Amino acid sequence: MQCMTALAVNSENCDVADIEDVRTLPLVSTDQGARGGESTATRRERKEKTRQSLLAAALDLLADRGFASLSLREVAKRAGIVPTAFYRHFASMDELGVALVEESMRTLRTMIRSARTDPSDEAFGGIIRVSVRTLHRHVRAHEDHFRFLTRERYGGTGPVARAVAMELRLFSSELAVDLARFEFLREWSTEDLHMMADLIVTSMQATVLDLLEVRPGDGATDEAIVKTAEKRLRLIVLGVANWQSKHSPASDREHPRLV
């Protein structure tokens, strides 16, 4: 060991036998490297678990306050880590907030889209019913997520509020693409399809607000809100039959054709 230290300073102090001994050291660590591969996977899992703990801690702290009032130290303490360890998972609090937005919207978009798989005219009424009830179940199962999204949508600022707005635009754009698959909407202009999608998304946001204002467990009130939500969407669809959509070259340049 002394010779190893000396080798880093002056190799002339070590004889050939000592040098040969030093060269064998990497062979000794080969098995440790294999075990290191396993520990890397474990570290990756542990890192993801800590990341999820930070997201859950932030969401818990946001139950009755805005994201801007949240501090890194509070989140780290609630997650059970030291503040400096936070930066191993997020570059800033804003990045954590954006991740929360994406996580909150991802599952909802997937669930709602699964309700729009049948592009037939006859299925439209069923799609409205299934979509509204899917939204209702998701809001009740993830109220903390929706309170956070709603609060940041209407009262937030900065990157997190912009992320919410962007996710809602994405939601609306995906809906516009799906609407274009319905036979009776195929001649609609892209601009009008986006306008209809925006109306539907706005109606769904109103339903979320209605649900969040009611105490969970009030089944009768929930059912009334769901029925009202279905009526709102049916009114939008009833207007579709009388709307004369005309293609505009300018609007098609602004919004590429969806079909």
C-alpha atoms as a PDB file:
ATOM      1  CA  MET A   1       0.000   0.000   0.000  1.00  0.00           C
ATOM      2  CA  GLN A   2       2.879   2.317   0.777  1.00  0.00           C
ATOM      3  CA  CYS A   3       4.334   1.511  -2.609  1.00  0.00           C
ATOM      4  CA  MET A   4       1.022   2.415  -4.287  1.00  0.00           C
ATOM      5  CA  THR A   5       1.137   5.826  -2.687  1.00  0.00           C
ATOM      6  CA  ALA A   6       4.751   6.255  -3.647  1.00  0.00           C
ATOM      7  CA  LEU A   7       3.995   5.206  -7.215  1.00  0.00           C
ATOM      8  CA  ALA A   8       1.733   8.204  -7.653  1.00  0.00           C
ATOM      9  CA  VAL A   9       4.590  10.469  -6.543  1.00  0.00           C
ATOM     10  CA  ASN A  10       7.734   8.800  -7.765  1.00  0.00           C
ATOM     11  CA  SER A  11       7.662   5.486  -9.622  1.00  0.00           C
ATOM     12  CA  GLU A  12      11.401   5.036  -9.142  1.00  0.00           C
ATOM     13  CA  ASN A  13      10.805   4.015  -5.491  1.00  0.00           C
ATOM     14  CA  CYS A  14       8.956   0.804  -6.525  1.00  0.00           C
ATOM     15  CA  ASP A  15      10.553  -2.313  -7.989  1.00  0.00           C
ATOM     16  CA  VAL A  16       9.125  -4.389 -10.824  1.00  0.00           C
ATOM     17  CA  ALA A  17       7.417  -6.896  -8.507  1.00  0.00           C
ATOM     18  CA  ASP A  18       5.579  -4.092  -6.767  1.00  0.00           C
ATOM     19  CA  ILE A  19       4.427  -2.655 -10.088  1.00  0.00           C
ATOM     20  CA  GLU A  20       3.131  -6.080 -11.142  1.00  0.00           C
ATOM     21  CA  ASP A  21       1.164  -6.242  -7.887  1.00  0.00           C
ATOM     22  CA  VAL A  22      -0.384  -2.846  -8.607  1.00  0.00           C
ATOM     23  CA  ARG A  23      -1.414  -3.957 -12.115  1.00  0.00           C
ATOM     24  CA  THR A  24      -3.429  -6.810 -10.637  1.00  0.00           C
ATOM     25  CA  LEU A  25      -5.657  -4.472  -8.601  1.00  0.00           C
ATOM     26  CA  PRO A  26      -8.222  -3.819 -11.377  1.00  0.00           C
ATOM     27  CA  LEU A  27      -8.774  -7.585 -11.628  1.00  0.00           C
ATOM     28  CA  VAL A  28      -9.758  -7.658  -7.980  1.00  0.00           C
ATOM     29  CA  SER A  29     -12.479  -5.005  -8.587  1.00  0.00           C
ATOM     30  CA  THR A  30     -14.108  -6.824 -11.499  1.00  0.00           C
ATOM     31  CA  ASP A  31     -16.617  -8.625  -9.297  1.00  0.00           C
ATOM     32  CA  GLN A  32     -17.342  -5.382  -7.481  1.00  0.00           C
ATOM     33  CA  GLY A  33     -18.134  -3.785 -10.846  1.00  0.00           C
ATOM     34  CA  ALA A  34     -20.701  -6.499 -11.542  1.00  0.00           C
ATOM     35  CA  ARG A  35     -22.262  -5.884  -8.184  1.00  0.00           C
ATOM     36  CA  GLY A  36     -22.094  -2.193  -8.987  1.00  0.00           C
ATOM     37  CA  GLY A  37     -24.389  -2.798 -11.967  1.00  0.00           C
ATOM     38  CA  GLU A  38     -26.984  -4.248  -9.642  1.00  0.00           C
ATOM     39  CA  SER A  39     -26.606  -1.391  -7.202  1.00  0.00           C
ATOM     40  CA  THR A  40     -27.012   1.081 -10.100  1.00  0.00           C
ATOM     41  CA  ALA A  41     -30.448  -0.378 -10.803  1.00  0.00           C
ATOM     42  CA  THR A  42     -31.259  -0.174  -7.118  1.00  0.00           C
ATOM     43  CA  ARG A  43     -30.099   3.442  -6.995  1.00  0.00           C
ATOM     44  CA  ARG A  44     -32.263   4.237 -10.010  1.00  0.00           C
ATOM     45  CA  GLU A  45     -35.305   2.761  -8.317  1.00  0.00           C
ATOM     46  CA  ARG A  46     -34.499   4.592  -5.094  1.00  0.00           C
ATOM     47  CA  LYS A  47     -34.074   7.847  -7.005  1.00  0.00           C
ATOM     48  CA  GLU A  48     -37.454   7.452  -8.719  1.00  0.00           C
ATOM     49  CA  LYS A  49     -39.061   6.654  -5.373  1.00  0.00           C
ATOM     50  CA  THR A  50     -37.591   9.816  -3.862  1.00  0.00           C
ATOM     51  CA  ARG A  51     -38.753  11.824  -6.872  1.00  0.00           C
ATOM     52  CA  GLN A  52     -42.292  10.553  -6.416  1.00  0.00           C
ATOM     53  CA  SER A  53     -42.047  11.343  -2.699  1.00  0.00           C
ATOM     54  CA  LEU A  54     -41.174  14.949  -3.553  1.00  0.00           C
ATOM     55  CA  LEU A  55     -44.143  15.225  -5.921  1.00  0.00           C
ATOM     56  CA  ALA A  56     -46.483  13.717  -3.320  1.00  0.00           C
ATOM     57  CA  ALA A  57     -45.102  15.997  -0.604  1.00  0.00           C
ATOM     58  CA  ALA A  58     -45.632  19.088  -2.755  1.00  0.00           C
ATOM     59  CA  LEU A  59     -49.179  18.028  -3.623  1.00  0.00           C
ATOM     60  CA  ASP A  60     -49.966  17.424   0.034  1.00  0.00           C
ATOM     61  CA  LEU A  61     -48.684  20.873   1.006  1.00  0.00           C
ATOM     62  CA  LEU A  62     -50.717  22.457  -1.813  1.00  0.00           C
ATOM     63  CA  ALA A  63     -54.037  21.291  -0.394  1.00  0.00           C
ATOM     64  CA  ASP A  64     -55.078  24.828   0.548  1.00  0.00           C
ATOM     65  CA  ARG A  65     -52.457  27.174  -0.906  1.00  0.00           C
ATOM     66  CA  GLY A  66     -50.885  28.311  -4.161  1.00  0.00           C
ATOM     67  CA  PHE A  67     -47.710  26.885  -5.625  1.00  0.00           C
ATOM     68  CA  ALA A  68     -45.887  30.219  -5.418  1.00  0.00           C
ATOM     69  CA  SER A  69     -46.051  30.087  -1.604  1.00  0.00           C
ATOM     70  CA  LEU A  70     -44.324  26.706  -1.463  1.00  0.00           C
ATOM     71  CA  SER A  71     -40.657  26.553  -0.481  1.00  0.00           C
ATOM     72  CA  LEU A  72     -38.035  23.987  -1.408  1.00  0.00           C
ATOM     73  CA  ARG A  73     -37.209  23.384   2.256  1.00  0.00           C
ATOM     74  CA  GLU A  74     -40.839  22.609   3.085  1.00  0.00           C
ATOM     75  CA  VAL A  75     -41.094  20.062   0.286  1.00  0.00           C
ATOM     76  CA  ALA A  76     -37.773  18.423   1.135  1.00  0.00           C
ATOM     77  CA  LYS A  77     -38.662  18.196   4.830  1.00  0.00           C
ATOM     78  CA  ARG A  78     -42.063  16.635   4.076  1.00  0.00           C
ATOM     79  CA  ALA A  79     -40.407  14.139   1.709  1.00  0.00           C
ATOM     80  CA  GLY A  80     -37.821  13.251   4.363  1.00  0.00           C
ATOM     81  CA  ILE A  81     -34.688  14.417   2.540  1.00  0.00           C
ATOM     82  CA  VAL A  82     -32.185  17.223   3.067  1.00  0.00           C
ATOM     83  CA  PRO A  83     -32.755  20.333   0.916  1.00  0.00           C
ATOM     84  CA  THR A  84     -29.560  19.858  -1.090  1.00  0.00           C
ATOM     85  CA  ALA A  85     -30.745  16.392  -2.188  1.00  0.00           C
ATOM     86  CA  PHE A  86     -33.733  18.048  -3.911  1.00  0.00           C
ATOM     87  CA  TYR A  87     -31.491  19.103  -6.803  1.00  0.00           C
ATOM     88  CA  ARG A  88     -30.720  15.496  -7.671  1.00  0.00           C
ATOM     89  CA  HIS A  89     -34.313  15.245  -8.871  1.00  0.00           C
ATOM     90  CA  PHE A  90     -35.412  18.720  -9.982  1.00  0.00           C
ATOM     91  CA  ALA A  91     -33.421  21.720 -11.134  1.00  0.00           C
ATOM     92  CA  SER A  92     -35.850  24.114  -9.453  1.00  0.00           C
ATOM     93  CA  MET A  93     -39.237  24.352  -7.760  1.00  0.00           C
ATOM     94  CA  ASP A  94     -40.727  25.443 -11.083  1.00  0.00           C
ATOM     95  CA  GLU A  95     -39.522  22.221 -12.675  1.00  0.00           C
ATOM     96  CA  LEU A  96     -41.203  20.247  -9.887  1.00  0.00           C
ATOM     97  CA  GLY A  97     -44.415  22.224 -10.457  1.00  0.00           C
ATOM     98  CA  VAL A  98     -44.399  21.532 -14.188  1.00  0.00           C
ATOM     99  CA  ALA A  99     -43.839  17.819 -13.479  1.00  0.00           C
ATOM    100  CA  LEU A 100     -46.876  17.896 -11.188  1.00  0.00           C
ATOM    101  CA  VAL A 101     -48.982  19.442 -13.949  1.00  0.00           C
ATOM    102  CA  GLU A 102     -47.894  16.843 -16.488  1.00  0.00           C
ATOM    103  CA  GLU A 103     -48.532  13.987 -14.068  1.00  0.00           C
ATOM    104  CA  SER A 104     -51.971  15.347 -13.171  1.00  0.00           C
ATOM    105  CA  MET A 105     -53.099  15.677 -16.801  1.00  0.00           C
ATOM    106  CA  ARG A 106     -51.490  12.623 -18.415  1.00  0.00           C
ATOM    107  CA  THR A 107     -53.819   9.989 -17.002  1.00  0.00           C
ATOM    108  CA  LEU A 108     -56.939  12.084 -17.542  1.00  0.00           C
ATOM    109  CA  ARG A 109     -56.146  12.670 -21.224  1.00  0.00           C
ATOM    110  CA  THR A 110     -55.589   8.945 -21.749  1.00  0.00           C
ATOM    111  CA  MET A 111     -58.810   7.980 -19.976  1.00  0.00           C
ATOM    112  CA  ILE A 112     -60.956  10.541 -21.787  1.00  0.00           C
ATOM    113  CA  ARG A 113     -59.477   9.621 -25.143  1.00  0.00           C
ATOM    114  CA  SER A 114     -60.285   5.951 -24.571  1.00  0.00           C
ATOM    115  CA  ALA A 115     -63.950   6.979 -24.389  1.00  0.00           C
ATOM    116  CA  ARG A 116     -63.772   8.403 -27.940  1.00  0.00           C
ATOM    117  CA  THR A 117     -62.760   5.264 -29.786  1.00  0.00           C
ATOM    118  CA  ASP A 118     -65.959   4.807 -31.857  1.00  0.00           C
ATOM    119  CA  PRO A 119     -66.180   7.569 -34.526  1.00  0.00           C
ATOM    120  CA  SER A 120     -69.792   6.811 -35.570  1.00  0.00           C
ATOM    121  CA  ASP A 121     -72.636   9.305 -35.414  1.00  0.00           C
ATOM    122  CA  GLU A 122     -74.751   6.951 -33.311  1.00  0.00           C
ATOM    123  CA  ALA A 123     -71.988   6.639 -30.734  1.00  0.00           C
ATOM    124  CA  PHE A 124     -71.799  10.367 -30.032  1.00  0.00           C
ATOM    125  CA  GLY A 125     -74.419  10.296 -27.261  1.00  0.00           C
ATOM    126  CA  GLY A 126     -72.677   7.374 -25.601  1.00  0.00           C
ATOM    127  CA  ILE A 127     -69.314   9.107 -25.862  1.00  0.00           C
ATOM    128  CA  ILE A 128     -70.693  12.138 -24.035  1.00  0.00           C
ATOM    129  CA  ARG A 129     -72.066   9.978 -21.241  1.00  0.00           C
ATOM    130  CA  VAL A 130     -68.911   7.880 -20.870  1.00  0.00           C
ATOM    131  CA  SER A 131     -66.596  10.922 -21.065  1.00  0.00           C
ATOM    132  CA  VAL A 132     -68.476  12.845 -18.374  1.00  0.00           C
ATOM    133  CA  ARG A 133     -68.643   9.893 -16.015  1.00  0.00           C
ATOM    134  CA  THR A 134     -64.957   9.142 -16.619  1.00  0.00           C
ATOM    135  CA  LEU A 135     -64.158  12.733 -15.717  1.00  0.00           C
ATOM    136  CA  HIS A 136     -66.299  12.474 -12.585  1.00  0.00           C
ATOM    137  CA  ARG A 137     -64.538   9.318 -11.381  1.00  0.00           C
ATOM    138  CA  HIS A 138     -61.122  10.778 -12.073  1.00  0.00           C
ATOM    139  CA  VAL A 139     -61.842  14.029 -10.231  1.00  0.00           C
ATOM    140  CA  ARG A 140     -63.138  12.173  -7.190  1.00  0.00           C
ATOM    141  CA  ALA A 141     -60.135   9.825  -7.195  1.00  0.00           C
ATOM    142  CA  HIS A 142     -57.584  12.649  -7.600  1.00  0.00           C
ATOM    143  CA  GLU A 143     -59.137  15.720  -6.019  1.00  0.00           C
ATOM    144  CA  ASP A 144     -55.774  17.012  -4.790  1.00  0.00           C
ATOM    145  CA  HIS A 145     -54.461  17.038  -8.361  1.00  0.00           C
ATOM    146  CA  PHE A 146     -57.490  18.892  -9.699  1.00  0.00           C
ATOM    147  CA  ARG A 147     -57.489  21.471  -6.906  1.00  0.00           C
ATOM    148  CA  PHE A 148     -53.861  22.171  -7.734  1.00  0.00           C
ATOM    149  CA  LEU A 149     -54.568  22.453 -11.491  1.00  0.00           C
ATOM    150  CA  THR A 150     -57.617  24.660 -10.982  1.00  0.00           C
ATOM    151  CA  ARG A 151     -55.866  26.975  -8.531  1.00  0.00           C
ATOM    152  CA  GLU A 152     -52.863  27.411 -10.833  1.00  0.00           C
ATOM    153  CA  ARG A 153     -55.051  27.785 -13.932  1.00  0.00           C
ATOM    154  CA  TYR A 154     -56.993  30.728 -12.540  1.00  0.00           C
ATOM    155  CA  GLY A 155     -54.658  32.206  -9.938  1.00  0.00           C
ATOM    156  CA  GLY A 156     -51.140  31.011 -10.698  1.00  0.00           C
ATOM    157  CA  THR A 157     -48.284  32.736 -12.485  1.00  0.00           C
ATOM    158  CA  GLY A 158     -45.016  31.790 -14.118  1.00  0.00           C
ATOM    159  CA  PRO A 159     -43.970  28.445 -15.638  1.00  0.00           C
ATOM    160  CA  VAL A 160     -46.480  26.337 -13.693  1.00  0.00           C
ATOM    161  CA  ALA A 161     -49.503  28.371 -14.824  1.00  0.00           C
ATOM    162  CA  ARG A 162     -48.171  28.311 -18.393  1.00  0.00           C
ATOM    163  CA  ALA A 163     -47.763  24.529 -18.159  1.00  0.00           C
ATOM    164  CA  VAL A 164     -51.422  24.157 -17.136  1.00  0.00           C
ATOM    165  CA  ALA A 165     -52.529  26.330 -20.064  1.00  0.00           C
ATOM    166  CA  MET A 166     -50.324  24.341 -22.449  1.00  0.00           C
ATOM    167  CA  GLU A 167     -51.736  21.003 -21.217  1.00  0.00           C
ATOM    168  CA  LEU A 168     -55.284  22.275 -21.722  1.00  0.00           C
ATOM    169  CA  ARG A 169     -54.407  23.416 -25.258  1.00  0.00           C
ATOM    170  CA  LEU A 170     -52.939  19.984 -25.930  1.00  0.00           C
ATOM    171  CA  PHE A 171     -56.095  18.380 -24.557  1.00  0.00           C
ATOM    172  CA  SER A 172     -58.203  20.567 -26.866  1.00  0.00           C
ATOM    173  CA  SER A 173     -55.994  19.856 -29.895  1.00  0.00           C
ATOM    174  CA  GLU A 174     -56.218  16.091 -29.354  1.00  0.00           C
ATOM    175  CA  LEU A 175     -59.991  16.409 -29.075  1.00  0.00           C
ATOM    176  CA  ALA A 176     -60.144  18.405 -32.328  1.00  0.00           C
ATOM    177  CA  VAL A 177     -58.264  15.608 -34.104  1.00  0.00           C
ATOM    178  CA  ASP A 178     -60.739  13.045 -32.764  1.00  0.00           C
ATOM    179  CA  LEU A 179     -63.745  15.179 -33.714  1.00  0.00           C
ATOM    180  CA  ALA A 180     -62.520  15.300 -37.313  1.00  0.00           C
ATOM    181  CA  ARG A 181     -63.015  11.531 -37.522  1.00  0.00           C
ATOM    182  CA  PHE A 182     -66.792  11.823 -37.154  1.00  0.00           C
ATOM    183  CA  GLU A 183     -68.517  11.572 -40.521  1.00  0.00           C
ATOM    184  CA  PHE A 184     -70.737  14.614 -40.051  1.00  0.00           C
ATOM    185  CA  LEU A 185     -67.737  16.779 -39.074  1.00  0.00           C
ATOM    186  CA  ARG A 186     -65.380  15.839 -41.884  1.00  0.00           C
ATOM    187  CA  GLU A 187     -66.301  18.878 -43.965  1.00  0.00           C
ATOM    188  CA  TRP A 188     -65.706  21.271 -41.118  1.00  0.00           C
ATOM    189  CA  SER A 189     -62.810  23.692 -41.301  1.00  0.00           C
ATOM    190  CA  THR A 190     -59.890  23.143 -38.974  1.00  0.00           C
ATOM    191  CA  GLU A 191     -60.638  26.443 -37.252  1.00  0.00           C
ATOM    192  CA  ASP A 192     -64.207  25.373 -36.483  1.00  0.00           C
ATOM    193  CA  LEU A 193     -63.093  21.973 -35.193  1.00  0.00           C
ATOM    194  CA  HIS A 194     -60.724  23.691 -32.775  1.00  0.00           C
ATOM    195  CA  MET A 195     -63.490  26.067 -31.713  1.00  0.00           C
ATOM    196  CA  MET A 196     -65.830  23.155 -30.954  1.00  0.00           C
ATOM    197  CA  ALA A 197     -63.066  21.355 -29.041  1.00  0.00           C
ATOM    198  CA  ASP A 198     -62.416  24.506 -26.983  1.00  0.00           C
ATOM    199  CA  LEU A 199     -66.116  24.714 -26.085  1.00  0.00           C
ATOM    200  CA  ILE A 200     -66.120  21.099 -24.898  1.00  0.00           C
ATOM    201  CA  VAL A 201     -62.936  21.534 -22.834  1.00  0.00           C
ATOM    202  CA  THR A 202     -64.326  24.725 -21.271  1.00  0.00           C
ATOM    203  CA  SER A 203     -67.515  22.850 -20.369  1.00  0.00           C
ATOM    204  CA  MET A 204     -65.468  20.071 -18.765  1.00  0.00           C
ATOM    205  CA  GLN A 205     -63.511  22.636 -16.737  1.00  0.00           C
ATOM    206  CA  ALA A 206     -66.798  24.004 -15.433  1.00  0.00           C
ATOM    207  CA  THR A 207     -67.786  20.474 -14.386  1.00  0.00           C
ATOM    208  CA  VAL A 208     -64.503  20.047 -12.507  1.00  0.00           C
ATOM    209  CA  LEU A 209     -65.136  23.299 -10.625  1.00  0.00           C
ATOM    210  CA  ASP A 210     -68.664  22.185  -9.749  1.00  0.00           C
ATOM    211  CA  LEU A 211     -67.379  18.866  -8.385  1.00  0.00           C
ATOM    212  CA  LEU A 212     -64.613  20.470  -6.328  1.00  0.00           C
ATOM    213  CA  GLU A 213     -67.113  22.774  -4.629  1.00  0.00           C
ATOM    214  CA  VAL A 214     -69.123  19.800  -3.347  1.00  0.00           C
ATOM    215  CA  ARG A 215     -68.062  17.727  -0.382  1.00  0.00           C
ATOM    216  CA  PRO A 216     -67.072  14.191  -1.429  1.00  0.00           C
ATOM    217  CA  GLY A 217     -69.638  11.566  -0.577  1.00  0.00           C
ATOM    218  CA  ASP A 218     -72.687  13.603  -1.577  1.00  0.00           C
ATOM    219  CA  GLY A 219     -73.848  11.154  -4.228  1.00  0.00           C
ATOM    220  CA  ALA A 220     -77.084  12.956  -5.086  1.00  0.00           C
ATOM    221  CA  THR A 221     -75.334  16.251  -5.763  1.00  0.00           C
ATOM    222  CA  ASP A 222     -72.609  14.516  -7.749  1.00  0.00           C
ATOM    223  CA  GLU A 223     -75.231  12.835  -9.932  1.00  0.00           C
ATOM    224  CA  ALA A 224     -76.940  16.183 -10.534  1.00  0.00           C
ATOM    225  CA  ILE A 225     -73.613  17.718 -11.585  1.00  0.00           C
ATOM    226  CA  VAL A 226     -72.951  14.813 -13.963  1.00  0.00           C
ATOM    227  CA  LYS A 227     -76.411  15.185 -15.531  1.00  0.00           C
ATOM    228  CA  THR A 228     -75.878  18.918 -15.997  1.00  0.00           C
ATOM    229  CA  ALA A 229     -72.486  18.268 -17.581  1.00  0.00           C
ATOM    230  CA  GLU A 230     -74.038  15.840 -20.053  1.00  0.00           C
ATOM    231  CA  LYS A 231     -76.724  18.412 -20.956  1.00  0.00           C
ATOM    232  CA  ARG A 232     -74.075  21.095 -21.562  1.00  0.00           C
ATOM    233  CA  LEU A 233     -72.242  18.854 -24.009  1.00  0.00           C
ATOM    234  CA  ARG A 234     -75.481  17.811 -25.717  1.00  0.00           C
ATOM    235  CA  LEU A 235     -76.379  21.472 -26.242  1.00  0.00           C
ATOM    236  CA  ILE A 236     -72.995  22.007 -27.911  1.00  0.00           C
ATOM    237  CA  VAL A 237     -73.601  18.995 -30.160  1.00  0.00           C
ATOM    238  CA  LEU A 238     -77.135  20.170 -31.030  1.00  0.00           C
ATOM    239  CA  GLY A 239     -75.643  23.396 -32.317  1.00  0.00           C
ATOM    240  CA  VAL A 240     -73.333  21.456 -34.580  1.00  0.00           C
ATOM    241  CA  ALA A 241     -76.186  20.348 -36.847  1.00  0.00           C
ATOM    242  CA  ASN A 242     -77.079  23.953 -37.676  1.00  0.00           C
ATOM    243  CA  TRP A 243     -73.554  25.287 -38.035  1.00  0.00           C
ATOM    244  CA  GLN A 244     -72.441  25.936 -41.607  1.00  0.00           C
ATOM    245  CA  SER A 245     -68.702  25.475 -41.554  1.00  0.00           C
ATOM    246  CA  LYS A 246     -66.758  26.854 -44.502  1.00  0.00           C
ATOM    247  CA  HIS A 247     -63.109  26.259 -45.228  1.00  0.00           C
ATOM    248  CA  SER A 248     -60.968  29.369 -45.112  1.00  0.00           C
ATOM    249  CA  PRO A 249     -57.538  29.234 -46.778  1.00  0.00           C
ATOM    250  CA  ALA A 250     -56.206  31.594 -44.116  1.00  0.00           C
ATOM    251  CA  SER A 251     -57.495  29.465 -41.239  1.00  0.00           C
ATOM    252  CA  ASP A 252     -56.177  26.259 -42.848  1.00  0.00           C
ATOM    253  CA  ARG A 253     -52.740  27.815 -43.089  1.00  0.00           C
ATOM    254  CA  GLU A 254     -52.938  28.756 -39.432  1.00  0.00           C
ATOM    255  CA  HIS A 255     -54.247  25.295 -38.405  1.00  0.00           C
ATOM    256  CA  PRO A 256     -53.136  22.425 -40.702  1.00  0.00           C
ATOM    257  CA  ARG A 257     -55.880  20.047 -41.833  1.00  0.00           C
ATOM    258  CA  LEU A 258     -56.692  17.334 -39.302  1.00  0.00           C
ATOM    259  CA  VAL A 259     -58.086  14.824 -41.789  1.00  0.00           C
END
